[in-house]
Amino acid sequence: RRNTNSRPQRVLELKTRQETPLLPTAIESSSSCGYEQRDQSERNMGAGRAVSISLDGVRDKNLMQLKKLNSVLFPVRYNDKYYADALASGEFTKLAYYSDICVGSIACRLEKKEGGAVRVYIMTLGVLAPYRGLVFMERGSVRNDHGHLFPEFFLPHRFTPMVPTSKKRGTKLLNHVLDLSCKQNIGEIYLHVQTNNEDAINFYKKFGFEITETIHNYYTNITPPDCYVVTKYIAQPQSKK
C-alpha cells in the first residue's frame, strides 16, 4: 500500500499537457449535509485504467506546492497573509492530487462574525486544465488556458477570468468545503465575483449560492469594477430534545 505521506509532490507544468483530453467526473451526495462526495472510477488518460483524485491538507512542509500551483494558475502573486490565512484555515484549504501530481487547490479563510459565529471565505479555487475533467467538471471546455475559477479577482485589467461553459456536476474541492462547513456547524460561505462573470455566478448558483450584495468599485484596473458577494447559507440540523 502506498504511503501518501512520503510521496514525491510535483506540480505539473501546464504547457506539457495542453492536448490532454477532458475526462468525466462523478460526484454524488451521500451525507446528511448533502455535500460529502463519493468517488467513482474514471478512465485514465488513454490507458483504460481507473484513476482517482485525492485531497491533502496544506501544512508548512508542503506550502510550497500551493505557491507553485498558484504561480501557474493565477496571474497574481499572493502575499504572506494569503498563505497565513490558508494555513490557519486547517482542513478548509486543500490540495488535489492526481497520483503524485498536485493539480488543483482550494484556499479558504475563516472569519469570525459579530457574536462569535464563524464563516468561510473562499479565496481561490483552481485546477490545472489537463485535469479539470477529474477534479472540476463533467466533459466540456474552458474559455481560458488555465481552467480555474477565480473567486477573488485582484487581476490586471488585461486578464478576464473564466469558468467552464458546459454543464457541471461540481468540484471535489468545493464539495469538500461545503461538507466540512456543515459538519462543523458553519452556516455561511461566501466569495466575491465580478458582476459580468455570468459563468462563475451560474456555477456557484448550482451549489446553492445566491447573490446577497453588490459592491461598487471593488476592483481597480478592470472593467466593470463592481462585484457581487455570492453567499451560501447552510441550514443547521435541529438538535433532538
Protein backbone atom coordinates (compact mmCIF):
# COMPACT_ATOMS: atom_id res chain seq x y z
CA ARG A 1 0.00 0.00 0.00
CA ARG A 2 1.43 3.33 -0.98
CA ASN A 3 2.35 5.74 1.79
CA THR A 4 0.85 9.03 0.65
CA ASN A 5 2.74 10.96 3.32
CA SER A 6 6.07 10.16 1.71
CA ARG A 7 5.06 10.59 -1.90
CA PRO A 8 7.04 13.00 -4.03
CA GLN A 9 4.98 16.11 -4.61
CA ARG A 10 5.03 17.68 -8.02
CA VAL A 11 3.19 20.40 -9.82
CA LEU A 12 2.71 19.60 -13.48
CA GLU A 13 3.98 22.19 -15.92
CA LEU A 14 0.86 23.28 -17.74
CA LYS A 15 2.50 23.52 -21.15
CA THR A 16 3.41 19.83 -21.23
CA ARG A 17 -0.18 18.57 -21.22
CA GLN A 18 -2.26 21.07 -23.14
CA GLU A 19 -3.65 18.44 -25.52
CA THR A 20 -4.78 16.02 -22.82
CA PRO A 21 -8.48 15.19 -23.31
CA LEU A 22 -11.01 16.05 -20.66
CA LEU A 23 -12.34 13.23 -18.53
CA PRO A 24 -15.69 12.89 -16.80
CA THR A 25 -16.01 13.11 -13.06
CA ALA A 26 -18.68 11.51 -10.87
CA ILE A 27 -19.52 13.14 -7.56
CA GLU A 28 -22.54 12.06 -5.58
CA SER A 29 -24.08 13.32 -2.38
CA SER A 30 -24.04 10.78 0.44
CA SER A 31 -24.01 12.67 3.73
CA SER A 32 -26.77 14.12 5.84
CA CYS A 33 -25.46 17.56 4.93
CA GLY A 34 -25.72 16.69 1.27
CA TYR A 35 -22.18 17.53 0.17
CA GLU A 36 -19.95 14.59 1.01
CA GLN A 37 -18.55 13.28 -2.24
CA ARG A 38 -18.38 9.63 -3.21
CA ASP A 39 -15.78 8.98 -5.88
CA GLN A 40 -16.38 6.66 -8.79
CA SER A 41 -13.68 5.32 -11.07
CA GLU A 42 -12.89 7.35 -14.12
CA ARG A 43 -10.95 6.10 -17.06
CA ASN A 44 -7.31 7.06 -17.15
CA MET A 45 -5.90 9.24 -19.89
CA GLY A 46 -5.94 6.90 -22.85
CA ALA A 47 -4.80 3.93 -20.76
CA GLY A 48 -8.15 2.49 -19.66
CA ARG A 49 -7.13 2.38 -16.02
CA ALA A 50 -9.20 3.55 -13.09
CA VAL A 51 -7.91 6.75 -11.56
CA SER A 52 -8.97 8.96 -8.70
CA ILE A 53 -8.24 12.36 -7.26
CA SER A 54 -7.16 12.58 -3.63
CA LEU A 55 -7.16 15.61 -1.36
CA ASP A 56 -4.43 16.57 1.08
CA GLY A 57 -4.18 19.31 3.66
CA VAL A 58 -1.81 22.26 3.38
CA ARG A 59 0.94 22.44 6.00
CA ASP A 60 4.26 24.22 6.39
CA LYS A 61 6.10 21.34 4.76
CA ASN A 62 4.00 21.39 1.58
CA LEU A 63 3.06 25.06 1.44
CA MET A 64 5.44 25.49 -1.48
CA GLN A 65 3.17 23.20 -3.52
CA LEU A 66 0.32 25.70 -3.15
CA LYS A 67 2.64 28.57 -4.07
CA LYS A 68 3.88 26.78 -7.19
CA LEU A 69 0.36 25.89 -8.22
CA ASN A 70 -0.84 29.46 -7.78
CA SER A 71 2.04 30.72 -9.90
CA VAL A 72 0.82 28.51 -12.76
CA LEU A 73 -2.90 29.14 -12.35
CA PHE A 74 -3.18 32.79 -11.41
CA PRO A 75 -1.56 35.96 -12.76
CA VAL A 76 -1.22 37.30 -9.23
CA ARG A 77 1.49 36.91 -6.62
CA TYR A 78 -0.22 36.40 -3.30
CA ASN A 79 1.18 37.99 -0.16
CA ASP A 80 2.14 36.31 3.09
CA LYS A 81 -1.26 36.99 4.66
CA TYR A 82 -2.98 34.89 1.99
CA TYR A 83 -0.81 31.88 2.86
CA ALA A 84 -1.08 32.51 6.60
CA ASP A 85 -4.88 32.55 6.29
CA ALA A 86 -4.79 29.39 4.19
CA LEU A 87 -2.68 27.56 6.78
CA ALA A 88 -4.84 28.83 9.64
CA SER A 89 -7.99 27.50 7.98
CA GLY A 90 -6.83 23.91 8.53
CA GLU A 91 -8.91 21.39 6.60
CA PHE A 92 -10.69 24.14 4.67
CA THR A 93 -7.65 24.56 2.43
CA LYS A 94 -6.83 21.52 0.32
CA LEU A 95 -4.52 20.39 -2.45
CA ALA A 96 -5.86 17.97 -5.07
CA TYR A 97 -3.57 15.23 -6.36
CA TYR A 98 -3.77 13.03 -9.41
CA SER A 99 -1.39 10.23 -8.47
CA ASP A 100 1.59 12.18 -7.09
CA ILE A 101 0.98 15.32 -9.14
CA CYS A 102 -0.52 18.39 -7.49
CA VAL A 103 -3.22 19.50 -9.93
CA GLY A 104 -5.56 21.81 -8.01
CA SER A 105 -6.39 23.58 -4.78
CA ILE A 106 -8.99 25.45 -2.80
CA ALA A 107 -7.82 28.07 -0.30
CA CYS A 108 -10.14 29.49 2.33
CA ARG A 109 -10.07 31.96 5.18
CA LEU A 110 -12.05 31.54 8.39
CA GLU A 111 -13.64 34.74 9.66
CA LYS A 112 -15.34 35.50 12.96
CA LYS A 113 -18.60 37.39 12.80
CA GLU A 114 -20.16 39.52 15.48
CA GLY A 115 -21.40 37.23 18.21
CA GLY A 116 -18.60 34.72 17.67
CA ALA A 117 -20.00 32.72 14.75
CA VAL A 118 -17.52 31.61 12.08
CA ARG A 119 -17.96 31.92 8.34
CA VAL A 120 -15.83 30.69 5.43
CA TYR A 121 -14.41 32.94 2.73
CA ILE A 122 -13.24 31.21 -0.46
CA MET A 123 -10.07 33.00 -1.55
CA THR A 124 -9.15 30.87 -4.58
CA LEU A 125 -10.27 27.69 -6.32
CA GLY A 126 -8.15 26.42 -9.20
CA VAL A 127 -7.43 23.28 -11.23
CA LEU A 128 -4.84 22.72 -13.95
CA ALA A 129 -6.61 22.48 -17.31
CA PRO A 130 -5.49 18.93 -18.23
CA TYR A 131 -7.08 17.58 -15.02
CA ARG A 132 -10.21 19.65 -14.70
CA GLY A 133 -12.27 16.72 -16.01
CA LEU A 134 -11.23 14.68 -12.99
CA VAL A 135 -11.46 17.38 -10.34
CA PHE A 136 -13.65 20.08 -11.70
CA MET A 137 -16.46 19.20 -14.02
CA GLU A 138 -18.11 16.90 -16.50
CA ARG A 139 -16.96 16.92 -20.12
CA GLY A 140 -16.71 20.39 -21.55
CA SER A 141 -14.36 23.19 -22.39
CA VAL A 142 -12.80 26.11 -20.63
CA ARG A 143 -12.61 29.51 -22.25
CA ASN A 144 -9.13 30.29 -20.98
CA ASP A 145 -5.96 28.22 -20.89
CA HIS A 146 -5.80 27.66 -17.16
CA GLY A 147 -9.11 26.05 -16.27
CA HIS A 148 -9.71 27.81 -12.99
CA LEU A 149 -12.27 29.70 -11.02
CA PHE A 150 -11.10 32.93 -9.51
CA PRO A 151 -13.39 33.92 -6.63
CA GLU A 152 -11.22 36.86 -5.56
CA PHE A 153 -10.30 38.89 -8.61
CA PHE A 154 -7.25 41.01 -7.89
CA LEU A 155 -6.33 40.91 -11.54
CA PRO A 156 -4.61 43.06 -14.13
CA HIS A 157 -7.11 44.66 -16.49
CA ARG A 158 -5.98 42.55 -19.45
CA PHE A 159 -6.93 39.27 -17.81
CA THR A 160 -10.53 38.12 -17.80
CA PRO A 161 -11.24 35.13 -15.52
CA MET A 162 -13.47 32.45 -16.98
CA VAL A 163 -15.06 29.23 -15.85
CA PRO A 164 -16.24 26.20 -17.83
CA THR A 165 -19.22 26.83 -20.05
CA SER A 166 -20.58 23.29 -20.18
CA LYS A 167 -22.78 21.50 -17.67
CA LYS A 168 -21.04 20.79 -14.39
CA ARG A 169 -21.60 18.22 -11.72
CA GLY A 170 -19.43 20.19 -9.38
CA THR A 171 -15.98 20.05 -7.91
CA LYS A 172 -14.50 17.72 -5.41
CA LEU A 173 -12.69 20.63 -3.80
CA LEU A 174 -15.79 22.76 -3.37
CA ASN A 175 -17.86 19.80 -2.20
CA HIS A 176 -15.24 19.15 0.47
CA VAL A 177 -15.54 22.68 1.86
CA LEU A 178 -19.33 22.58 1.78
CA ASP A 179 -19.46 19.27 3.60
CA LEU A 180 -16.86 20.30 6.16
CA SER A 181 -18.76 23.51 6.87
CA CYS A 182 -21.90 21.54 7.53
CA LYS A 183 -20.13 19.10 9.83
CA GLN A 184 -18.60 21.95 11.83
CA ASN A 185 -21.92 23.81 12.05
CA ILE A 186 -20.67 26.72 9.98
CA GLY A 187 -23.68 28.38 8.44
CA GLU A 188 -22.18 30.77 5.89
CA ILE A 189 -19.73 30.54 2.97
CA TYR A 190 -19.09 33.46 0.65
CA LEU A 191 -16.84 34.88 -2.07
CA HIS A 192 -16.63 37.81 -4.49
CA VAL A 193 -17.45 37.52 -8.20
CA GLN A 194 -17.14 40.24 -10.84
CA THR A 195 -20.63 41.36 -11.91
CA ASN A 196 -20.14 40.43 -15.58
CA ASN A 197 -18.82 36.93 -14.86
CA GLU A 198 -22.07 35.09 -15.55
CA ASP A 199 -20.36 31.72 -15.90
CA ALA A 200 -18.96 31.89 -12.36
CA ILE A 201 -22.24 33.18 -10.96
CA ASN A 202 -24.21 30.38 -12.59
CA PHE A 203 -21.65 27.82 -11.43
CA TYR A 204 -21.97 28.78 -7.78
CA LYS A 205 -25.74 29.02 -8.03
CA LYS A 206 -25.76 25.32 -8.89
CA PHE A 207 -24.28 24.73 -5.45
CA GLY A 208 -26.93 26.82 -3.72
CA PHE A 209 -25.06 30.13 -3.58
CA GLU A 210 -27.00 33.34 -4.11
CA ILE A 211 -26.16 36.98 -4.76
CA THR A 212 -26.50 38.80 -1.46
CA GLU A 213 -24.81 42.14 -2.08
CA THR A 214 -23.38 44.37 -4.80
CA ILE A 215 -20.18 46.29 -4.09
CA HIS A 216 -19.39 49.14 -6.46
CA ASN A 217 -15.80 49.99 -7.41
CA TYR A 218 -14.49 46.89 -5.67
CA TYR A 219 -11.79 46.25 -8.27
CA THR A 220 -9.12 48.51 -9.68
CA ASN A 221 -7.83 48.48 -13.25
CA ILE A 222 -10.52 46.13 -14.55
CA THR A 223 -13.92 46.81 -16.09
CA PRO A 224 -16.52 46.57 -14.72
CA PRO A 225 -15.08 47.41 -11.30
CA ASP A 226 -18.13 46.09 -9.43
CA CYS A 227 -18.57 42.73 -7.75
CA TYR A 228 -21.28 40.59 -6.25
CA VAL A 229 -20.99 38.99 -2.87
CA VAL A 230 -22.09 35.42 -3.52
CA THR A 231 -23.16 33.55 -0.40
CA LYS A 232 -24.37 30.12 0.60
CA TYR A 233 -26.26 29.71 3.85
CA ILE A 234 -26.21 26.22 5.31
CA ALA A 235 -29.17 25.22 7.44
CA GLN A 236 -28.01 23.68 10.68
CA PRO A 237 -29.57 20.39 11.80
CA GLN A 238 -32.12 20.67 14.58
CA SER A 239 -30.91 19.24 17.88
CA LYS A 240 -33.01 16.43 19.27
CA LYS A 241 -34.73 17.14 22.55
